[in-house]
N, C-alpha and C. Protein backbone atom coordinates (compact mmCIF):
# COMPACT_ATOMS: atom_id res chain seq x y z
N MET A 1 118.32 105.81 103.82
CA MET A 1 116.96 106.03 103.32
C MET A 1 116.01 106.07 104.49
N CYS A 2 115.13 107.01 104.46
CA CYS A 2 114.17 107.19 105.54
C CYS A 2 112.86 106.58 105.18
N GLU A 3 112.26 105.75 106.05
CA GLU A 3 111.01 105.16 105.80
C GLU A 3 109.94 105.74 106.72
N PHE A 4 108.82 106.14 106.18
CA PHE A 4 107.71 106.62 107.03
C PHE A 4 106.68 105.51 107.16
N THR A 5 106.58 105.04 108.34
CA THR A 5 105.58 103.99 108.60
C THR A 5 104.39 104.46 109.37
N GLU A 6 104.53 105.59 109.99
CA GLU A 6 103.46 106.16 110.79
C GLU A 6 102.59 107.09 109.95
N THR A 7 101.30 106.87 109.93
CA THR A 7 100.42 107.73 109.12
C THR A 7 99.61 108.66 109.94
N SER A 8 99.91 108.82 111.18
CA SER A 8 99.11 109.67 112.07
C SER A 8 99.25 111.15 111.68
N TRP A 9 100.28 111.50 110.96
CA TRP A 9 100.46 112.91 110.56
C TRP A 9 99.74 113.25 109.31
N TYR A 10 99.09 112.30 108.60
CA TYR A 10 98.39 112.59 107.36
C TYR A 10 97.31 113.62 107.56
N PRO A 11 96.48 113.55 108.57
CA PRO A 11 95.40 114.52 108.70
C PRO A 11 96.00 115.98 108.89
N GLU A 12 97.09 116.10 109.60
CA GLU A 12 97.72 117.38 109.76
C GLU A 12 98.28 117.91 108.42
N LEU A 13 98.83 117.03 107.65
CA LEU A 13 99.35 117.38 106.32
C LEU A 13 98.24 117.80 105.40
N LYS A 14 97.12 117.09 105.44
CA LYS A 14 95.95 117.49 104.61
C LYS A 14 95.44 118.85 105.03
N GLU A 15 95.39 119.14 106.32
CA GLU A 15 94.95 120.43 106.80
C GLU A 15 95.95 121.54 106.38
N LEU A 16 97.21 121.30 106.43
CA LEU A 16 98.19 122.25 105.96
C LEU A 16 97.99 122.56 104.47
N ILE A 17 97.77 121.53 103.67
CA ILE A 17 97.56 121.70 102.24
C ILE A 17 96.27 122.49 102.04
N ALA A 18 95.20 122.21 102.77
CA ALA A 18 93.96 122.94 102.63
C ALA A 18 94.15 124.43 103.02
N MET A 19 94.98 124.69 103.95
CA MET A 19 95.26 126.10 104.34
C MET A 19 95.89 126.89 103.19
N HIS A 20 96.61 126.19 102.28
CA HIS A 20 97.22 126.84 101.15
C HIS A 20 96.39 126.86 99.89
N SER A 21 95.14 126.51 100.09
CA SER A 21 94.19 126.48 98.97
C SER A 21 93.90 127.90 98.48
N SER A 22 93.83 128.07 97.17
CA SER A 22 93.48 129.38 96.62
C SER A 22 92.00 129.69 96.92
N ALA A 23 91.20 128.66 97.19
CA ALA A 23 89.83 128.90 97.57
C ALA A 23 89.63 129.15 99.08
N GLY A 24 90.69 128.96 99.81
CA GLY A 24 90.58 129.15 101.23
C GLY A 24 90.57 130.63 101.69
N GLU A 25 90.34 130.85 102.93
CA GLU A 25 90.27 132.19 103.42
C GLU A 25 91.56 132.96 103.38
N HIS A 26 92.68 132.22 103.34
CA HIS A 26 93.99 132.87 103.32
C HIS A 26 94.49 133.09 101.87
N GLY A 27 93.77 132.53 100.89
CA GLY A 27 94.12 132.78 99.51
C GLY A 27 95.49 132.26 99.12
N GLY A 28 95.72 130.97 99.29
CA GLY A 28 97.04 130.35 98.98
C GLY A 28 97.21 130.18 97.53
N ASP A 29 98.24 129.42 97.14
CA ASP A 29 98.56 129.26 95.73
C ASP A 29 98.30 127.86 95.14
N LEU A 30 97.59 127.02 95.90
CA LEU A 30 97.23 125.72 95.40
C LEU A 30 95.78 125.69 94.90
N ASN A 31 95.57 125.19 93.67
CA ASN A 31 94.24 125.16 93.18
C ASN A 31 93.48 123.94 93.69
N THR A 32 92.19 123.91 93.46
CA THR A 32 91.33 122.83 93.97
C THR A 32 91.75 121.47 93.46
N ASP A 33 92.13 121.33 92.18
CA ASP A 33 92.53 120.06 91.65
C ASP A 33 93.74 119.52 92.34
N THR A 34 94.72 120.37 92.60
CA THR A 34 95.96 119.96 93.27
C THR A 34 95.64 119.44 94.65
N ILE A 35 94.78 120.11 95.35
CA ILE A 35 94.42 119.72 96.73
C ILE A 35 93.69 118.37 96.70
N THR A 36 92.82 118.22 95.72
CA THR A 36 92.07 116.95 95.61
C THR A 36 93.03 115.79 95.29
N ILE A 37 93.96 115.97 94.42
CA ILE A 37 94.88 114.91 94.09
C ILE A 37 95.77 114.56 95.25
N ILE A 38 96.31 115.52 95.97
CA ILE A 38 97.19 115.24 97.09
C ILE A 38 96.37 114.56 98.22
N GLY A 39 95.17 115.05 98.46
CA GLY A 39 94.32 114.41 99.49
C GLY A 39 94.00 112.99 99.19
N ALA A 40 93.64 112.68 97.93
CA ALA A 40 93.32 111.35 97.51
C ALA A 40 94.53 110.43 97.62
N THR A 41 95.70 110.96 97.29
CA THR A 41 96.92 110.18 97.42
C THR A 41 97.19 109.79 98.85
N LEU A 42 96.99 110.74 99.73
CA LEU A 42 97.23 110.44 101.18
C LEU A 42 96.20 109.43 101.68
N ASP A 43 94.97 109.51 101.18
CA ASP A 43 93.92 108.57 101.54
C ASP A 43 94.26 107.13 101.09
N LEU A 44 94.92 107.01 99.94
CA LEU A 44 95.32 105.70 99.43
C LEU A 44 96.28 104.95 100.37
N GLN A 45 97.03 105.70 101.13
CA GLN A 45 97.99 105.16 102.06
C GLN A 45 97.33 104.32 103.14
N GLU A 46 96.03 104.59 103.37
CA GLU A 46 95.31 103.94 104.44
C GLU A 46 94.49 102.76 103.95
N LYS A 47 94.53 102.50 102.65
CA LYS A 47 93.68 101.48 102.06
C LYS A 47 94.53 100.22 101.75
N VAL A 48 93.85 99.08 101.65
CA VAL A 48 94.52 97.88 101.20
C VAL A 48 94.11 97.61 99.76
N VAL A 49 94.83 96.79 99.08
CA VAL A 49 94.59 96.54 97.64
C VAL A 49 93.14 96.13 97.41
N ARG A 50 92.59 95.34 98.21
CA ARG A 50 91.21 94.81 98.04
C ARG A 50 90.22 95.98 97.94
N GLN A 51 90.51 97.10 98.60
CA GLN A 51 89.61 98.22 98.59
C GLN A 51 89.67 99.08 97.31
N VAL A 52 90.76 99.00 96.56
CA VAL A 52 90.99 99.88 95.44
C VAL A 52 91.11 99.16 94.08
N VAL A 53 91.26 97.84 94.13
CA VAL A 53 91.48 97.09 92.89
C VAL A 53 90.20 97.08 92.06
N THR A 54 90.37 97.18 90.75
CA THR A 54 89.27 97.05 89.80
C THR A 54 89.39 95.72 89.13
N HIS A 55 88.41 94.92 89.27
CA HIS A 55 88.44 93.59 88.64
C HIS A 55 88.09 93.75 87.15
N SER A 56 88.80 93.00 86.36
CA SER A 56 88.56 93.06 84.89
C SER A 56 87.77 91.86 84.49
N LEU A 57 86.94 92.06 83.47
CA LEU A 57 86.18 90.95 82.93
C LEU A 57 87.03 90.27 81.89
N PRO A 58 86.71 88.99 81.65
CA PRO A 58 87.47 88.28 80.62
C PRO A 58 87.29 88.95 79.27
N ILE A 59 88.34 89.08 78.51
CA ILE A 59 88.30 89.71 77.19
C ILE A 59 88.50 88.64 76.15
N HIS A 60 87.60 88.66 75.16
CA HIS A 60 87.69 87.67 74.08
C HIS A 60 88.01 88.41 72.78
N PRO A 61 89.21 88.19 72.23
CA PRO A 61 89.58 88.87 70.98
C PRO A 61 88.78 88.34 69.80
N PHE A 62 88.54 89.21 68.81
CA PHE A 62 87.88 88.76 67.60
C PHE A 62 88.52 89.52 66.39
N SER A 63 88.39 88.93 65.26
CA SER A 63 88.99 89.48 64.07
C SER A 63 88.01 90.55 63.47
N ILE A 64 88.55 91.64 62.91
CA ILE A 64 87.76 92.67 62.30
C ILE A 64 87.67 92.49 60.81
N ARG A 65 88.27 91.52 60.22
CA ARG A 65 88.28 91.29 58.80
C ARG A 65 86.97 91.07 58.22
């Protein structure tokens, strides 16, 4: 199994993906949503849990009867 621990290639990968954008000057086959999702996924690799966690408020159940 191969493990990637180095993230220095992420910017190059994001640029390559952008080059294949259908909105780009080369007219690739990736739509804007796909590029946004892939880019955000790569950005998550650089964050720690504290930066992305959503804290939940206490929930109090009640009866609808």
